[in-house]
């Protein structure tokens, strides 16, 4: 069961993180457009993009996507724990059993 549970958790965690990142990306793109009046930089590494715009975009998008993924994975872990009676395998402490 641990192997099967681990695979289920891996897929569940990945799907929740990717979904959250996609939603966050749409939200931050829209917020950027509203706040600045222009589209977010397609490639912040492009020398034609102002350095401060690239830095601001990297900070804003990285923070939003990171937070969304973390929240989604915490919720997924909570759901997994309620469904199985224990934390996902990679979140258990050493003294916790399945």
N, C-alpha and C. Protein backbone atom coordinates (compact mmCIF):
# COMPACT_ATOMS: atom_id res chain seq x y z
N UNK A 1 0.83 -1.20 0.00
CA UNK A 1 0.00 0.00 0.00
C UNK A 1 0.86 1.25 0.00
N UNK A 2 1.99 1.22 0.70
CA UNK A 2 2.82 2.42 0.77
C UNK A 2 3.28 2.86 -0.62
N UNK A 3 3.64 1.87 -1.44
CA UNK A 3 4.08 2.20 -2.79
C UNK A 3 2.93 2.80 -3.59
N UNK A 4 1.75 2.17 -3.53
CA UNK A 4 0.58 2.69 -4.23
C UNK A 4 0.17 4.04 -3.70
N UNK A 5 0.18 4.18 -2.37
CA UNK A 5 -0.17 5.46 -1.75
C UNK A 5 0.81 6.55 -2.14
N UNK A 6 2.07 6.18 -2.24
CA UNK A 6 3.09 7.14 -2.61
C UNK A 6 2.87 7.61 -4.05
N UNK A 7 2.52 6.69 -4.93
CA UNK A 7 2.26 7.07 -6.32
C UNK A 7 1.03 7.96 -6.42
N UNK A 8 -0.01 7.61 -5.67
CA UNK A 8 -1.23 8.42 -5.66
C UNK A 8 -0.90 9.83 -5.17
N UNK A 9 -0.14 9.91 -4.08
CA UNK A 9 0.22 11.22 -3.54
C UNK A 9 1.06 12.01 -4.54
N UNK A 10 2.00 11.37 -5.19
CA UNK A 10 2.85 12.05 -6.14
C UNK A 10 2.03 12.67 -7.27
N UNK A 11 1.10 11.91 -7.81
CA UNK A 11 0.25 12.41 -8.89
C UNK A 11 -0.67 13.51 -8.37
N UNK A 12 -1.29 13.28 -7.22
CA UNK A 12 -2.21 14.25 -6.62
C UNK A 12 -1.50 15.57 -6.33
N UNK A 13 -0.31 15.48 -5.76
CA UNK A 13 0.47 16.67 -5.43
C UNK A 13 0.88 17.42 -6.69
N UNK A 14 1.33 16.69 -7.70
CA UNK A 14 1.75 17.32 -8.95
C UNK A 14 0.59 18.03 -9.64
N UNK A 15 -0.54 17.36 -9.72
CA UNK A 15 -1.71 17.95 -10.38
C UNK A 15 -2.16 19.21 -9.65
N UNK A 16 -2.19 19.15 -8.32
CA UNK A 16 -2.63 20.33 -7.56
C UNK A 16 -1.64 21.49 -7.73
N UNK A 17 -0.35 21.19 -7.73
CA UNK A 17 0.65 22.25 -7.89
C UNK A 17 0.59 22.87 -9.28
N UNK A 18 0.45 22.04 -10.31
CA UNK A 18 0.38 22.57 -11.67
C UNK A 18 -0.89 23.39 -11.89
N UNK A 19 -2.00 22.92 -11.35
CA UNK A 19 -3.25 23.66 -11.47
C UNK A 19 -3.17 25.01 -10.78
N UNK A 20 -2.61 25.01 -9.59
CA UNK A 20 -2.46 26.26 -8.84
C UNK A 20 -1.53 27.23 -9.57
N UNK A 21 -0.44 26.71 -10.12
CA UNK A 21 0.51 27.56 -10.84
C UNK A 21 -0.15 28.18 -12.08
N UNK A 22 -0.95 27.40 -12.78
CA UNK A 22 -1.64 27.91 -13.98
C UNK A 22 -2.63 29.01 -13.61
N UNK A 23 -3.38 28.80 -12.55
CA UNK A 23 -4.35 29.81 -12.10
C UNK A 23 -3.62 31.07 -11.64
N UNK A 24 -2.54 30.88 -10.88
CA UNK A 24 -1.77 32.03 -10.39
C UNK A 24 -1.17 32.81 -11.56
N UNK A 25 -0.68 32.11 -12.56
CA UNK A 25 -0.09 32.77 -13.74
C UNK A 25 -1.12 33.65 -14.44
N UNK A 26 -2.32 33.12 -14.61
CA UNK A 26 -3.38 33.93 -15.24
C UNK A 26 -3.69 35.16 -14.40
N UNK A 27 -3.79 34.96 -13.09
CA UNK A 27 -4.13 36.07 -12.19
C UNK A 27 -3.02 37.13 -12.17
N UNK A 28 -1.77 36.71 -12.12
CA UNK A 28 -0.68 37.69 -12.06
C UNK A 28 -0.53 38.40 -13.40
N UNK A 29 -0.76 37.70 -14.51
CA UNK A 29 -0.72 38.36 -15.82
C UNK A 29 -1.78 39.46 -15.89
N UNK A 30 -2.98 39.13 -15.46
CA UNK A 30 -4.09 40.11 -15.48
C UNK A 30 -3.78 41.28 -14.54
N UNK A 31 -3.31 40.97 -13.34
CA UNK A 31 -2.98 42.02 -12.37
C UNK A 31 -1.89 42.94 -12.90
N UNK A 32 -0.89 42.35 -13.54
CA UNK A 32 0.21 43.15 -14.10
C UNK A 32 -0.32 44.11 -15.16
N UNK A 33 -1.17 43.58 -16.03
CA UNK A 33 -1.73 44.40 -17.11
C UNK A 33 -2.56 45.55 -16.54
N UNK A 34 -3.35 45.27 -15.52
CA UNK A 34 -4.17 46.31 -14.89
C UNK A 34 -3.27 47.35 -14.20
N UNK A 35 -2.26 46.88 -13.49
CA UNK A 35 -1.40 47.79 -12.72
C UNK A 35 -0.48 48.63 -13.59
N UNK A 36 0.04 48.05 -14.67
CA UNK A 36 1.03 48.77 -15.48
C UNK A 36 0.48 49.31 -16.79
N UNK A 37 -0.66 48.77 -17.22
CA UNK A 37 -1.22 49.19 -18.49
C UNK A 37 -0.58 48.51 -19.69
N UNK A 38 0.31 47.55 -19.44
CA UNK A 38 0.91 46.82 -20.55
C UNK A 38 1.06 45.34 -20.19
N UNK A 39 1.32 44.53 -21.22
CA UNK A 39 1.47 43.10 -21.02
C UNK A 39 2.72 42.81 -20.19
N UNK A 40 2.71 41.71 -19.43
CA UNK A 40 3.93 41.34 -18.71
C UNK A 40 5.04 40.97 -19.70
N UNK A 41 6.28 41.12 -19.29
CA UNK A 41 7.38 40.78 -20.20
C UNK A 41 7.33 39.29 -20.57
N UNK A 42 7.46 39.00 -21.86
CA UNK A 42 7.46 37.60 -22.30
C UNK A 42 8.72 36.90 -21.86
N UNK A 43 9.84 37.61 -21.92
CA UNK A 43 11.11 37.04 -21.51
C UNK A 43 11.89 38.10 -20.74
N UNK A 44 11.84 38.07 -19.41
CA UNK A 44 12.53 39.08 -18.62
C UNK A 44 14.04 39.11 -18.85
N UNK A 45 14.60 38.03 -19.39
CA UNK A 45 16.05 38.00 -19.66
C UNK A 45 16.42 38.79 -20.91
N UNK A 46 15.44 39.18 -21.71
CA UNK A 46 15.68 39.95 -22.93
C UNK A 46 16.27 41.31 -22.56
N UNK A 47 17.42 41.66 -23.12
CA UNK A 47 18.04 42.96 -22.80
C UNK A 47 17.17 44.17 -23.17
N UNK A 48 16.19 43.98 -24.05
CA UNK A 48 15.30 45.08 -24.41
C UNK A 48 14.27 45.38 -23.32
N UNK A 49 14.10 44.46 -22.37
CA UNK A 49 13.18 44.67 -21.25
C UNK A 49 13.94 45.45 -20.18
N UNK A 50 13.34 46.55 -19.72
CA UNK A 50 13.96 47.35 -18.66
C UNK A 50 14.27 46.46 -17.45
N UNK A 51 15.45 46.64 -16.88
CA UNK A 51 15.90 45.78 -15.78
C UNK A 51 14.93 45.82 -14.60
N UNK A 52 14.41 46.99 -14.27
CA UNK A 52 13.51 47.10 -13.11
C UNK A 52 12.16 46.45 -13.40
N UNK A 53 11.74 46.50 -14.65
CA UNK A 53 10.51 45.81 -15.03
C UNK A 53 10.72 44.30 -14.93
N UNK A 54 11.87 43.84 -15.39
CA UNK A 54 12.18 42.41 -15.32
C UNK A 54 12.26 41.93 -13.86
N UNK A 55 12.89 42.73 -13.01
CA UNK A 55 13.00 42.37 -11.59
C UNK A 55 11.63 42.35 -10.94
N UNK A 56 10.84 43.39 -11.20
CA UNK A 56 9.50 43.45 -10.61
C UNK A 56 8.65 42.27 -11.07
N UNK A 57 8.74 41.92 -12.35
CA UNK A 57 7.97 40.79 -12.87
C UNK A 57 8.43 39.48 -12.23
N UNK A 58 9.74 39.30 -12.11
CA UNK A 58 10.27 38.07 -11.51
C UNK A 58 9.81 37.93 -10.05
N UNK A 59 9.86 39.01 -9.31
CA UNK A 59 9.43 38.97 -7.91
C UNK A 59 7.93 38.71 -7.81
N UNK A 60 7.14 39.45 -8.57
CA UNK A 60 5.68 39.31 -8.50
C UNK A 60 5.23 37.92 -8.95
N UNK A 61 5.73 37.47 -10.10
CA UNK A 61 5.27 36.18 -10.62
C UNK A 61 5.81 35.02 -9.79
N UNK A 62 7.05 35.10 -9.37
CA UNK A 62 7.63 34.04 -8.55
C UNK A 62 6.92 33.90 -7.22
N UNK A 63 6.63 35.02 -6.59
CA UNK A 63 5.93 35.00 -5.31
C UNK A 63 4.51 34.44 -5.47
N UNK A 64 3.79 34.93 -6.45
CA UNK A 64 2.40 34.48 -6.65
C UNK A 64 2.33 32.99 -6.96
N UNK A 65 3.18 32.53 -7.86
CA UNK A 65 3.15 31.12 -8.23
C UNK A 65 3.64 30.24 -7.08
N UNK A 66 4.68 30.66 -6.40
CA UNK A 66 5.18 29.90 -5.25
C UNK A 66 4.15 29.76 -4.15
N UNK A 67 3.48 30.86 -3.82
CA UNK A 67 2.45 30.82 -2.78
C UNK A 67 1.26 29.95 -3.20
N UNK A 68 0.84 30.09 -4.44
CA UNK A 68 -0.29 29.28 -4.93
C UNK A 68 0.04 27.79 -4.88
N UNK A 69 1.24 27.42 -5.31
CA UNK A 69 1.64 26.01 -5.27
C UNK A 69 1.70 25.49 -3.84
N UNK A 70 2.27 26.28 -2.93
CA UNK A 70 2.39 25.85 -1.54
C UNK A 70 1.01 25.66 -0.92
N UNK A 71 0.11 26.60 -1.14
CA UNK A 71 -1.24 26.50 -0.59
C UNK A 71 -1.97 25.29 -1.17
N UNK A 72 -1.84 25.08 -2.47
CA UNK A 72 -2.50 23.93 -3.11
C UNK A 72 -1.94 22.62 -2.57
N UNK A 73 -0.63 22.52 -2.39
CA UNK A 73 -0.05 21.28 -1.89
C UNK A 73 -0.41 21.04 -0.43
N UNK A 74 -0.51 22.10 0.35
CA UNK A 74 -0.95 21.94 1.76
C UNK A 74 -2.39 21.44 1.81
N UNK A 75 -3.25 22.01 0.95
CA UNK A 75 -4.64 21.56 0.91
C UNK A 75 -4.73 20.12 0.42
N UNK A 76 -3.91 19.78 -0.56
CA UNK A 76 -3.90 18.41 -1.07
C UNK A 76 -3.43 17.44 0.02
N UNK A 77 -2.41 17.83 0.78
CA UNK A 77 -1.92 16.98 1.87
C UNK A 77 -2.98 16.82 2.95
N UNK A 78 -3.71 17.87 3.24
CA UNK A 78 -4.78 17.81 4.23
C UNK A 78 -5.89 16.87 3.76
N UNK A 79 -6.27 16.98 2.50
CA UNK A 79 -7.28 16.10 1.93
C UNK A 79 -6.80 14.65 1.96
N UNK A 80 -5.55 14.43 1.58
CA UNK A 80 -4.96 13.08 1.58
C UNK A 80 -5.01 12.50 3.00
N UNK A 81 -4.63 13.31 3.98
CA UNK A 81 -4.62 12.84 5.37
C UNK A 81 -6.03 12.51 5.86
N UNK A 82 -7.01 13.34 5.51
CA UNK A 82 -8.40 13.04 5.90
C UNK A 82 -8.90 11.77 5.22
N UNK A 83 -8.47 11.55 3.99
CA UNK A 83 -8.94 10.39 3.23
C UNK A 83 -8.28 9.09 3.65
N UNK A 84 -7.01 9.15 4.03
CA UNK A 84 -6.27 7.92 4.33
C UNK A 84 -6.00 7.72 5.82
N UNK A 85 -6.13 8.77 6.60
CA UNK A 85 -5.84 8.67 8.03
C UNK A 85 -4.39 8.95 8.37
N UNK A 86 -3.58 9.30 7.39
CA UNK A 86 -2.17 9.63 7.65
C UNK A 86 -1.67 10.61 6.59
N UNK A 87 -0.57 11.25 6.93
CA UNK A 87 0.04 12.20 5.99
C UNK A 87 0.61 11.46 4.78
N UNK A 88 0.79 12.16 3.68
CA UNK A 88 1.46 11.54 2.54
C UNK A 88 2.86 11.06 2.93
N UNK A 89 3.37 10.04 2.26
CA UNK A 89 4.67 9.45 2.64
C UNK A 89 5.81 10.46 2.79
N UNK A 90 5.95 11.39 1.88
CA UNK A 90 7.08 12.31 1.96
C UNK A 90 6.89 13.44 2.97
N UNK A 91 5.73 13.50 3.62
CA UNK A 91 5.49 14.53 4.65
C UNK A 91 5.50 13.96 6.07
N UNK A 92 5.57 12.65 6.19
CA UNK A 92 5.58 12.04 7.52
C UNK A 92 6.90 12.29 8.22
N UNK A 93 6.80 12.47 9.51
CA UNK A 93 7.99 12.58 10.33
C UNK A 93 8.53 11.17 10.55
N UNK A 94 9.76 11.04 10.99
CA UNK A 94 10.39 9.72 11.15
C UNK A 94 9.60 8.79 12.07
N UNK A 95 8.98 9.33 13.10
CA UNK A 95 8.29 8.49 14.08
C UNK A 95 6.85 8.16 13.69
N UNK A 96 6.37 8.69 12.59
CA UNK A 96 4.98 8.43 12.17
C UNK A 96 4.94 7.22 11.27
N UNK A 97 3.97 6.38 11.53
CA UNK A 97 3.77 5.18 10.71
C UNK A 97 2.61 5.39 9.76
N UNK A 98 2.55 4.58 8.73
CA UNK A 98 1.45 4.65 7.76
C UNK A 98 0.16 4.18 8.34
